[in-house]
Amino acid sequence: MAETRIVSIIGRKNSGKTTLITALAADFHRRGKSVATIKHSRHHLNIDAEGTDTWKHFNEGHANQVVYETAKQRVIFERQQQESDPVDITKKYLMENYIVLVEGFKTHDLPKIEVVRRDSTEPPLYDVSAENASNWIAIVTDRDDLDLPIPVFRFKDTSWLVTLSQILLAKARIVTT
């Protein structure tokens, strides 16, 4: 039975979610672990240009799936009726990886690491009294004033990434086939 770990990295807009995912992915890669990521967005994705062959296959040909293959990359365009759950996406496409780092999907029932920046005027998403508060693994921040009942890692500390990676592995959801 294949096992893959999955954790969601969440935060407000421009908080540094992508930067944290990149750092975590690189850390796992250095350790010899295969990593996949899922990027969630509420906006329409437009990565194919009108008039290209793949655009024509998908839009004019109404293909349900179009695979664009090169020597070192593959992109799959796929129609869907509704937004998928990150666990379902992982099961369908990413089970050969050791860990899947998800950017976003903040309302889904996944273990979460939140990025909080000092220049944000909004409070953290984490709420100790919320029903889903136990989903939070940790918070990574540049603020010195956060005192919470979960681990808080500060960017200025020297060993936060290694420690956070270890906690992430211990608390990640295990997805099996």
N, C-alpha and C. Protein backbone atom coordinates (compact mmCIF):
# COMPACT_ATOMS: atom_id res chain seq x y z
N MET A 1 0.84 -1.17 0.00
CA MET A 1 0.00 0.00 0.00
C MET A 1 0.90 1.24 0.00
N ALA A 2 0.65 2.14 -0.94
CA ALA A 2 1.42 3.38 -1.03
C ALA A 2 0.95 4.38 0.01
N GLU A 3 1.92 5.12 0.58
CA GLU A 3 1.61 6.17 1.54
C GLU A 3 2.24 7.48 1.09
N THR A 4 1.46 8.53 1.20
CA THR A 4 1.94 9.88 0.89
C THR A 4 1.46 10.81 1.99
N ARG A 5 2.33 11.69 2.42
CA ARG A 5 1.97 12.67 3.44
C ARG A 5 1.45 13.93 2.76
N ILE A 6 0.51 14.64 3.42
CA ILE A 6 -0.05 15.86 2.84
C ILE A 6 -0.27 16.90 3.94
N VAL A 7 0.15 18.13 3.65
CA VAL A 7 0.01 19.25 4.58
C VAL A 7 -0.32 20.48 3.77
N SER A 8 -1.17 21.34 4.31
CA SER A 8 -1.55 22.58 3.66
C SER A 8 -0.81 23.76 4.28
N ILE A 9 -0.26 24.60 3.42
CA ILE A 9 0.39 25.85 3.85
C ILE A 9 -0.60 26.96 3.53
N ILE A 10 -1.02 27.69 4.57
CA ILE A 10 -2.05 28.71 4.38
C ILE A 10 -1.57 30.06 4.91
N GLY A 11 -2.33 31.07 4.61
CA GLY A 11 -2.03 32.42 5.09
C GLY A 11 -2.77 33.43 4.25
N ARG A 12 -2.71 34.65 4.69
CA ARG A 12 -3.33 35.75 3.95
C ARG A 12 -2.54 36.00 2.66
N LYS A 13 -3.13 36.79 1.78
CA LYS A 13 -2.49 37.15 0.51
C LYS A 13 -1.13 37.80 0.77
N ASN A 14 -0.15 37.38 0.00
CA ASN A 14 1.23 37.91 0.06
C ASN A 14 1.90 37.70 1.42
N SER A 15 1.53 36.64 2.11
CA SER A 15 2.14 36.38 3.42
C SER A 15 3.45 35.60 3.32
N GLY A 16 3.67 34.95 2.18
CA GLY A 16 4.89 34.17 2.02
C GLY A 16 4.65 32.67 1.91
N LYS A 17 3.44 32.27 1.55
CA LYS A 17 3.11 30.85 1.42
C LYS A 17 4.00 30.16 0.39
N THR A 18 4.14 30.77 -0.77
CA THR A 18 4.96 30.18 -1.83
C THR A 18 6.42 30.08 -1.40
N THR A 19 6.91 31.11 -0.74
CA THR A 19 8.29 31.09 -0.25
C THR A 19 8.49 29.95 0.74
N LEU A 20 7.55 29.74 1.64
CA LEU A 20 7.67 28.65 2.60
C LEU A 20 7.58 27.29 1.92
N ILE A 21 6.65 27.13 1.00
CA ILE A 21 6.55 25.85 0.29
C ILE A 21 7.84 25.55 -0.47
N THR A 22 8.40 26.56 -1.11
CA THR A 22 9.66 26.37 -1.84
C THR A 22 10.77 25.93 -0.90
N ALA A 23 10.86 26.56 0.26
CA ALA A 23 11.90 26.21 1.24
C ALA A 23 11.68 24.79 1.76
N LEU A 24 10.45 24.44 2.09
CA LEU A 24 10.16 23.09 2.60
C LEU A 24 10.43 22.04 1.52
N ALA A 25 9.98 22.31 0.29
CA ALA A 25 10.19 21.36 -0.81
C ALA A 25 11.68 21.14 -1.05
N ALA A 26 12.45 22.21 -1.05
CA ALA A 26 13.90 22.09 -1.25
C ALA A 26 14.54 21.31 -0.10
N ASP A 27 14.06 21.53 1.13
CA ASP A 27 14.59 20.81 2.28
C ASP A 27 14.32 19.30 2.15
N PHE A 28 13.11 18.93 1.78
CA PHE A 28 12.79 17.50 1.60
C PHE A 28 13.58 16.91 0.43
N HIS A 29 13.72 17.68 -0.64
CA HIS A 29 14.50 17.21 -1.79
C HIS A 29 15.95 16.94 -1.38
N ARG A 30 16.55 17.84 -0.59
CA ARG A 30 17.93 17.64 -0.11
C ARG A 30 18.04 16.35 0.71
N ARG A 31 16.96 15.98 1.37
CA ARG A 31 16.96 14.75 2.17
C ARG A 31 16.66 13.51 1.33
N GLY A 32 16.48 13.70 0.02
CA GLY A 32 16.23 12.57 -0.87
C GLY A 32 14.77 12.15 -0.93
N LYS A 33 13.85 13.01 -0.50
CA LYS A 33 12.42 12.69 -0.53
C LYS A 33 11.77 13.32 -1.75
N SER A 34 10.88 12.59 -2.40
CA SER A 34 10.17 13.15 -3.55
C SER A 34 9.02 14.03 -3.05
N VAL A 35 8.89 15.18 -3.68
CA VAL A 35 7.93 16.19 -3.25
C VAL A 35 7.04 16.58 -4.41
N ALA A 36 5.76 16.75 -4.14
CA ALA A 36 4.81 17.32 -5.10
C ALA A 36 4.13 18.49 -4.42
N THR A 37 3.64 19.41 -5.21
CA THR A 37 2.90 20.54 -4.66
C THR A 37 1.59 20.70 -5.40
N ILE A 38 0.62 21.25 -4.71
CA ILE A 38 -0.66 21.63 -5.31
C ILE A 38 -0.87 23.09 -4.98
N LYS A 39 -1.14 23.89 -5.98
CA LYS A 39 -1.41 25.32 -5.80
C LYS A 39 -2.90 25.56 -6.01
N HIS A 40 -3.55 26.11 -5.00
CA HIS A 40 -4.98 26.41 -5.08
C HIS A 40 -5.18 27.88 -5.37
N SER A 41 -6.13 28.19 -6.21
CA SER A 41 -6.46 29.58 -6.50
C SER A 41 -7.96 29.69 -6.73
N ARG A 42 -8.50 30.80 -6.36
CA ARG A 42 -9.92 31.07 -6.61
C ARG A 42 -10.11 31.69 -7.99
N HIS A 43 -9.01 32.02 -8.67
CA HIS A 43 -9.07 32.69 -9.96
C HIS A 43 -8.97 31.68 -11.10
N HIS A 44 -9.49 32.05 -12.26
CA HIS A 44 -9.39 31.22 -13.46
C HIS A 44 -7.93 31.09 -13.87
N LEU A 45 -7.53 29.89 -14.23
CA LEU A 45 -6.16 29.62 -14.64
C LEU A 45 -6.07 29.72 -16.16
N ASN A 46 -5.16 30.53 -16.63
CA ASN A 46 -4.97 30.68 -18.06
C ASN A 46 -3.50 30.54 -18.39
N ILE A 47 -3.04 29.29 -18.52
CA ILE A 47 -1.63 29.06 -18.82
C ILE A 47 -1.41 28.65 -20.27
N ASP A 48 -2.48 28.49 -21.02
CA ASP A 48 -2.36 28.13 -22.42
C ASP A 48 -2.85 29.29 -23.27
N ALA A 49 -2.15 29.60 -24.32
CA ALA A 49 -2.51 30.75 -25.17
C ALA A 49 -3.49 30.32 -26.25
N GLU A 50 -4.47 31.18 -26.46
CA GLU A 50 -5.44 30.93 -27.52
C GLU A 50 -4.73 30.76 -28.85
N GLY A 51 -5.14 29.73 -29.58
CA GLY A 51 -4.56 29.47 -30.90
C GLY A 51 -3.48 28.40 -30.91
N THR A 52 -2.92 28.05 -29.73
CA THR A 52 -1.91 26.98 -29.71
C THR A 52 -2.61 25.64 -29.96
N ASP A 53 -1.83 24.64 -30.29
CA ASP A 53 -2.41 23.32 -30.56
C ASP A 53 -3.16 22.78 -29.35
N THR A 54 -2.55 22.88 -28.17
CA THR A 54 -3.21 22.35 -26.97
C THR A 54 -4.49 23.13 -26.67
N TRP A 55 -4.48 24.43 -26.88
CA TRP A 55 -5.68 25.24 -26.68
C TRP A 55 -6.78 24.77 -27.63
N LYS A 56 -6.42 24.52 -28.88
CA LYS A 56 -7.41 24.05 -29.88
C LYS A 56 -7.95 22.67 -29.50
N HIS A 57 -7.06 21.77 -29.07
CA HIS A 57 -7.52 20.43 -28.65
C HIS A 57 -8.57 20.56 -27.56
N PHE A 58 -8.28 21.40 -26.57
CA PHE A 58 -9.14 21.51 -25.38
C PHE A 58 -10.40 22.33 -25.66
N ASN A 59 -10.26 23.47 -26.31
CA ASN A 59 -11.38 24.40 -26.49
C ASN A 59 -12.20 24.16 -27.74
N GLU A 60 -11.55 23.92 -28.87
CA GLU A 60 -12.29 23.69 -30.10
C GLU A 60 -12.65 22.21 -30.26
N GLY A 61 -11.74 21.34 -29.83
CA GLY A 61 -12.00 19.91 -29.93
C GLY A 61 -12.80 19.36 -28.77
N HIS A 62 -12.94 20.14 -27.71
CA HIS A 62 -13.71 19.75 -26.52
C HIS A 62 -13.21 18.46 -25.89
N ALA A 63 -11.88 18.23 -25.99
CA ALA A 63 -11.30 17.05 -25.36
C ALA A 63 -11.45 17.16 -23.84
N ASN A 64 -11.73 16.05 -23.19
CA ASN A 64 -11.85 16.05 -21.73
C ASN A 64 -10.49 16.21 -21.07
N GLN A 65 -9.45 15.65 -21.69
CA GLN A 65 -8.09 15.78 -21.19
C GLN A 65 -7.14 16.01 -22.36
N VAL A 66 -6.17 16.87 -22.14
CA VAL A 66 -5.11 17.10 -23.11
C VAL A 66 -3.79 17.03 -22.35
N VAL A 67 -2.90 16.19 -22.82
CA VAL A 67 -1.58 16.06 -22.21
C VAL A 67 -0.57 16.71 -23.15
N TYR A 68 0.18 17.66 -22.60
CA TYR A 68 1.24 18.33 -23.35
C TYR A 68 2.55 17.81 -22.81
N GLU A 69 3.29 17.10 -23.64
CA GLU A 69 4.50 16.39 -23.22
C GLU A 69 5.73 16.96 -23.90
N THR A 70 6.77 17.22 -23.10
CA THR A 70 8.08 17.60 -23.64
C THR A 70 9.10 16.62 -23.06
N ALA A 71 10.37 16.84 -23.38
CA ALA A 71 11.41 15.93 -22.89
C ALA A 71 11.49 15.90 -21.37
N LYS A 72 11.18 17.02 -20.69
CA LYS A 72 11.35 17.07 -19.24
C LYS A 72 10.13 17.56 -18.47
N GLN A 73 9.03 17.80 -19.14
CA GLN A 73 7.83 18.30 -18.45
C GLN A 73 6.58 17.71 -19.06
N ARG A 74 5.52 17.71 -18.25
CA ARG A 74 4.21 17.27 -18.70
C ARG A 74 3.17 18.17 -18.05
N VAL A 75 2.22 18.60 -18.85
CA VAL A 75 1.10 19.38 -18.35
C VAL A 75 -0.17 18.67 -18.78
N ILE A 76 -1.10 18.53 -17.86
CA ILE A 76 -2.39 17.92 -18.18
C ILE A 76 -3.48 18.97 -18.02
N PHE A 77 -4.18 19.24 -19.10
CA PHE A 77 -5.37 20.09 -19.04
C PHE A 77 -6.55 19.13 -18.90
N GLU A 78 -7.41 19.39 -17.95
CA GLU A 78 -8.49 18.44 -17.67
C GLU A 78 -9.76 19.20 -17.30
N ARG A 79 -10.86 18.81 -17.90
CA ARG A 79 -12.14 19.43 -17.54
C ARG A 79 -12.62 18.86 -16.21
N GLN A 80 -13.26 19.70 -15.44
CA GLN A 80 -13.86 19.24 -14.19
C GLN A 80 -15.14 20.01 -13.95
N GLN A 81 -16.08 19.35 -13.31
CA GLN A 81 -17.37 19.97 -13.04
C GLN A 81 -17.32 20.86 -11.80
N GLN A 82 -16.45 20.51 -10.86
CA GLN A 82 -16.33 21.28 -9.63
C GLN A 82 -14.90 21.16 -9.11
N GLU A 83 -14.57 22.02 -8.18
CA GLU A 83 -13.24 22.00 -7.58
C GLU A 83 -13.02 20.68 -6.83
N SER A 84 -11.84 20.12 -6.97
CA SER A 84 -11.51 18.86 -6.31
C SER A 84 -10.94 19.10 -4.93
N ASP A 85 -10.98 18.07 -4.13
CA ASP A 85 -10.37 18.07 -2.81
C ASP A 85 -8.89 17.73 -3.00
N PRO A 86 -7.98 18.35 -2.22
CA PRO A 86 -6.55 18.06 -2.40
C PRO A 86 -6.18 16.60 -2.13
N VAL A 87 -6.92 15.93 -1.27
CA VAL A 87 -6.65 14.50 -1.04
C VAL A 87 -7.01 13.70 -2.29
N ASP A 88 -8.13 14.04 -2.94
CA ASP A 88 -8.51 13.35 -4.18
C ASP A 88 -7.50 13.60 -5.29
N ILE A 89 -7.00 14.84 -5.39
CA ILE A 89 -5.97 15.17 -6.39
C ILE A 89 -4.72 14.34 -6.11
N THR A 90 -4.34 14.26 -4.85
CA THR A 90 -3.17 13.48 -4.46
C THR A 90 -3.35 12.01 -4.85
N LYS A 91 -4.50 11.44 -4.52
CA LYS A 91 -4.76 10.03 -4.84
C LYS A 91 -4.73 9.78 -6.35
N LYS A 92 -5.23 10.73 -7.13
CA LYS A 92 -5.31 10.53 -8.58
C LYS A 92 -3.97 10.71 -9.28
N TYR A 93 -3.14 11.68 -8.81
CA TYR A 93 -1.95 12.04 -9.57
C TYR A 93 -0.62 11.95 -8.82
N LEU A 94 -0.62 11.99 -7.50
CA LEU A 94 0.62 12.29 -6.79
C LEU A 94 1.07 11.23 -5.79
N MET A 95 0.49 10.06 -5.79
CA MET A 95 0.79 9.04 -4.77
C MET A 95 2.21 8.51 -4.84
N GLU A 96 2.94 8.75 -5.91
CA GLU A 96 4.32 8.26 -5.98
C GLU A 96 5.28 9.15 -5.22
N ASN A 97 4.77 10.23 -4.64
CA ASN A 97 5.60 11.16 -3.89
C ASN A 97 5.55 10.88 -2.40
N TYR A 98 6.63 11.21 -1.73
CA TYR A 98 6.73 11.05 -0.28
C TYR A 98 5.84 12.04 0.44
N ILE A 99 5.81 13.28 -0.07
CA ILE A 99 5.02 14.33 0.57
C ILE A 99 4.43 15.26 -0.47
N VAL A 100 3.22 15.74 -0.18
CA VAL A 100 2.54 16.73 -1.01
C VAL A 100 2.33 17.97 -0.15
N LEU A 101 2.85 19.09 -0.63
CA LEU A 101 2.67 20.37 0.05
C LEU A 101 1.61 21.14 -0.72
N VAL A 102 0.56 21.51 -0.03
CA VAL A 102 -0.58 22.16 -0.66
C VAL A 102 -0.57 23.64 -0.29
N GLU A 103 -0.62 24.50 -1.29
CA GLU A 103 -0.73 25.93 -1.01
C GLU A 103 -2.20 26.32 -1.11
N GLY A 104 -2.77 26.66 0.03
CA GLY A 104 -4.16 27.05 0.05
C GLY A 104 -5.06 25.94 0.55
N PHE A 105 -6.28 25.89 0.03
CA PHE A 105 -7.32 24.97 0.49
C PHE A 105 -7.51 25.14 2.00
N LYS A 106 -7.53 26.40 2.46
CA LYS A 106 -7.53 26.67 3.90
C LYS A 106 -8.77 26.17 4.61
N THR A 107 -9.89 25.95 3.91
CA THR A 107 -11.10 25.46 4.58
C THR A 107 -11.17 23.93 4.61
N HIS A 108 -10.26 23.26 3.93
CA HIS A 108 -10.28 21.80 3.91
C HIS A 108 -9.69 21.22 5.20
N ASP A 109 -10.11 20.03 5.51
CA ASP A 109 -9.70 19.35 6.74
C ASP A 109 -8.34 18.69 6.56
N LEU A 110 -7.30 19.54 6.57
CA LEU A 110 -5.92 19.08 6.43
C LEU A 110 -5.09 19.66 7.55
N PRO A 111 -3.99 19.02 7.90
CA PRO A 111 -3.04 19.65 8.81
C PRO A 111 -2.52 20.93 8.14
N LYS A 112 -2.37 22.00 8.93
CA LYS A 112 -2.04 23.30 8.37
C LYS A 112 -0.84 23.94 9.05
N ILE A 113 -0.05 24.62 8.23
CA ILE A 113 0.99 25.53 8.71
C ILE A 113 0.60 26.89 8.16
N GLU A 114 0.47 27.87 9.05
CA GLU A 114 0.07 29.21 8.61
C GLU A 114 1.27 30.15 8.61
N VAL A 115 1.34 30.96 7.56
CA VAL A 115 2.36 32.00 7.48
C VAL A 115 1.68 33.33 7.83
N VAL A 116 2.25 34.04 8.81
CA VAL A 116 1.69 35.31 9.27
C VAL A 116 2.79 36.37 9.19
N ARG A 117 2.50 37.46 8.51
CA ARG A 117 3.48 38.54 8.36
C ARG A 117 3.10 39.75 9.20
N ARG A 118 4.11 40.45 9.68
CA ARG A 118 3.89 41.61 10.55
C ARG A 118 3.21 42.75 9.82
N ASP A 119 3.42 42.89 8.50
CA ASP A 119 2.82 44.01 7.78
C ASP A 119 1.36 43.77 7.39
N SER A 120 0.82 42.61 7.72
CA SER A 120 -0.60 42.34 7.47
C SER A 120 -1.44 43.06 8.53
N THR A 121 -2.50 43.67 8.08
CA THR A 121 -3.40 44.35 9.02
C THR A 121 -4.45 43.40 9.57
N GLU A 122 -4.49 42.18 9.04
CA GLU A 122 -5.48 41.20 9.48
C GLU A 122 -4.86 40.23 10.49
N PRO A 123 -5.68 39.71 11.40
CA PRO A 123 -5.16 38.75 12.38
C PRO A 123 -4.86 37.41 11.72
N PRO A 124 -4.13 36.53 12.41
CA PRO A 124 -3.91 35.18 11.87
C PRO A 124 -5.24 34.47 11.62
N LEU A 125 -5.23 33.52 10.72
CA LEU A 125 -6.42 32.69 10.48
C LEU A 125 -6.67 31.75 11.66
N TYR A 126 -5.59 31.38 12.33
CA TYR A 126 -5.69 30.47 13.48
C TYR A 126 -6.52 31.11 14.59
N ASP A 127 -7.46 30.33 15.09
CA ASP A 127 -8.31 30.76 16.20
C ASP A 127 -8.38 29.60 17.18
N VAL A 128 -7.80 29.77 18.34
CA VAL A 128 -7.71 28.70 19.33
C VAL A 128 -9.09 28.15 19.70
N SER A 129 -10.14 28.96 19.58
CA SER A 129 -11.48 28.51 19.95
C SER A 129 -12.26 27.92 18.78
N ALA A 130 -11.70 27.93 17.59
CA ALA A 130 -12.40 27.39 16.43
C ALA A 130 -12.47 25.86 16.49
N GLU A 131 -13.50 25.33 15.90
CA GLU A 131 -13.71 23.88 15.87
C GLU A 131 -12.55 23.14 15.22
N ASN A 132 -11.92 23.76 14.21
CA ASN A 132 -10.83 23.10 13.48
C ASN A 132 -9.45 23.53 13.96
N ALA A 133 -9.33 24.16 15.12
CA ALA A 133 -8.04 24.65 15.62
C ALA A 133 -7.00 23.54 15.73
N SER A 134 -7.43 22.32 15.96
CA SER A 134 -6.48 21.22 16.10
C SER A 134 -5.79 20.87 14.78
N ASN A 135 -6.27 21.39 13.65
CA ASN A 135 -5.63 21.15 12.36
C ASN A 135 -4.32 21.92 12.21
N TRP A 136 -4.12 22.98 13.00
CA TRP A 136 -2.92 23.79 12.87
C TRP A 136 -1.73 23.06 13.49
N ILE A 137 -0.67 22.91 12.70
CA ILE A 137 0.58 22.31 13.16
C ILE A 137 1.45 23.38 13.78
N ALA A 138 1.53 24.53 13.09
CA ALA A 138 2.43 25.59 13.52
C ALA A 138 2.11 26.88 12.77
N ILE A 139 2.75 27.94 13.24
CA ILE A 139 2.71 29.23 12.55
C ILE A 139 4.16 29.66 12.32
N VAL A 140 4.42 30.18 11.12
CA VAL A 140 5.72 30.74 10.78
C VAL A 140 5.51 32.23 10.58
N THR A 141 6.34 33.05 11.23
CA THR A 141 6.07 34.48 11.24
C THR A 141 7.34 35.31 11.38
N ASP A 142 7.20 36.59 11.09
CA ASP A 142 8.25 37.56 11.40
C ASP A 142 7.80 38.47 12.54
N ARG A 143 6.67 38.14 13.15
CA ARG A 143 6.17 38.92 14.29
C ARG A 143 6.73 38.37 15.59
N ASP A 144 7.04 39.26 16.51
CA ASP A 144 7.54 38.85 17.83
C ASP A 144 6.44 38.78 18.87
N ASP A 145 5.24 39.28 18.56
CA ASP A 145 4.18 39.38 19.55
C ASP A 145 3.23 38.18 19.59
N LEU A 146 3.41 37.20 18.73
CA LEU A 146 2.50 36.06 18.72
C LEU A 146 2.88 35.06 19.81
N ASP A 147 1.96 34.82 20.70
CA ASP A 147 2.13 33.84 21.77
C ASP A 147 0.90 32.94 21.72
N LEU A 148 1.07 31.77 21.13
CA LEU A 148 -0.07 30.89 20.86
C LEU A 148 0.20 29.50 21.44
N PRO A 149 -0.85 28.70 21.62
CA PRO A 149 -0.67 27.36 22.18
C PRO A 149 -0.21 26.31 21.17
N ILE A 150 0.29 26.75 20.03
CA ILE A 150 0.88 25.85 19.03
C ILE A 150 2.29 26.37 18.76
N PRO A 151 3.16 25.55 18.15
CA PRO A 151 4.51 26.04 17.86
C PRO A 151 4.49 27.27 16.94
N VAL A 152 5.27 28.28 17.31
CA VAL A 152 5.43 29.49 16.51
C VAL A 152 6.91 29.59 16.15
N PHE A 153 7.19 29.57 14.85
CA PHE A 153 8.56 29.67 14.35
C PHE A 153 8.76 31.05 13.76
N ARG A 154 9.88 31.64 14.07
CA ARG A 154 10.20 32.97 13.57
C ARG A 154 11.28 32.86 12.51
N PHE A 155 11.07 33.57 11.41
CA PHE A 155 12.01 33.53 10.29
C PHE A 155 13.43 33.86 10.73
N LYS A 156 13.59 34.71 11.74
CA LYS A 156 14.92 35.14 12.17
C LYS A 156 15.67 34.05 12.94
N ASP A 157 14.97 33.03 13.42
CA ASP A 157 15.63 31.93 14.12
C ASP A 157 16.42 31.10 13.12
N THR A 158 17.49 30.47 13.55
CA THR A 158 18.37 29.78 12.61
C THR A 158 17.93 28.35 12.26
N SER A 159 17.24 27.66 13.15
CA SER A 159 16.93 26.25 12.88
C SER A 159 15.44 26.00 12.67
N TRP A 160 14.68 27.03 12.40
CA TRP A 160 13.23 26.85 12.31
C TRP A 160 12.82 25.92 11.18
N LEU A 161 13.49 25.96 10.02
CA LEU A 161 13.06 25.16 8.88
C LEU A 161 13.23 23.67 9.16
N VAL A 162 14.34 23.26 9.71
CA VAL A 162 14.58 21.85 10.01
C VAL A 162 13.58 21.36 11.06
N THR A 163 13.38 22.13 12.11
CA THR A 163 12.44 21.75 13.16
C THR A 163 11.03 21.68 12.61
N LEU A 164 10.63 22.68 11.81
CA LEU A 164 9.30 22.69 11.22
C LEU A 164 9.10 21.48 10.30
N SER A 165 10.11 21.14 9.51
CA SER A 165 10.01 19.97 8.64
C SER A 165 9.77 18.70 9.44
N GLN A 166 10.44 18.55 10.57
CA GLN A 166 10.26 17.36 11.41
C GLN A 166 8.86 17.31 12.01
N ILE A 167 8.36 18.45 12.47
CA ILE A 167 6.99 18.50 13.02
C ILE A 167 5.99 18.21 11.91
N LEU A 168 6.22 18.79 10.73
CA LEU A 168 5.34 18.56 9.59
C LEU A 168 5.22 17.07 9.30
N LEU A 169 6.33 16.37 9.25
CA LEU A 169 6.28 14.93 8.96
C LEU A 169 5.53 14.17 10.04
N ALA A 170 5.70 14.56 11.28
CA ALA A 170 5.03 13.87 12.37
C ALA A 170 3.52 14.09 12.36
N LYS A 171 3.08 15.23 11.86
CA LYS A 171 1.66 15.58 11.93
C LYS A 171 0.95 15.58 10.59
N ALA A 172 1.65 15.28 9.52
CA ALA A 172 1.03 15.27 8.18
C ALA A 172 -0.04 14.20 8.12
N ARG A 173 -1.05 14.44 7.31
CA ARG A 173 -2.05 13.40 7.06
C ARG A 173 -1.43 12.37 6.14
N ILE A 174 -1.66 11.12 6.42
CA ILE A 174 -1.18 10.02 5.57
C ILE A 174 -2.32 9.64 4.65
N VAL A 175 -2.05 9.67 3.34
CA VAL A 175 -3.03 9.30 2.33
C VAL A 175 -2.59 7.95 1.78
N THR A 176 -3.49 6.98 1.73
CA THR A 176 -3.16 5.66 1.20
C THR A 176 -4.08 5.31 0.05
N THR A 177 -3.60 4.40 -0.79
CA THR A 177 -4.42 3.95 -1.92
C THR A 177 -5.16 2.69 -1.56
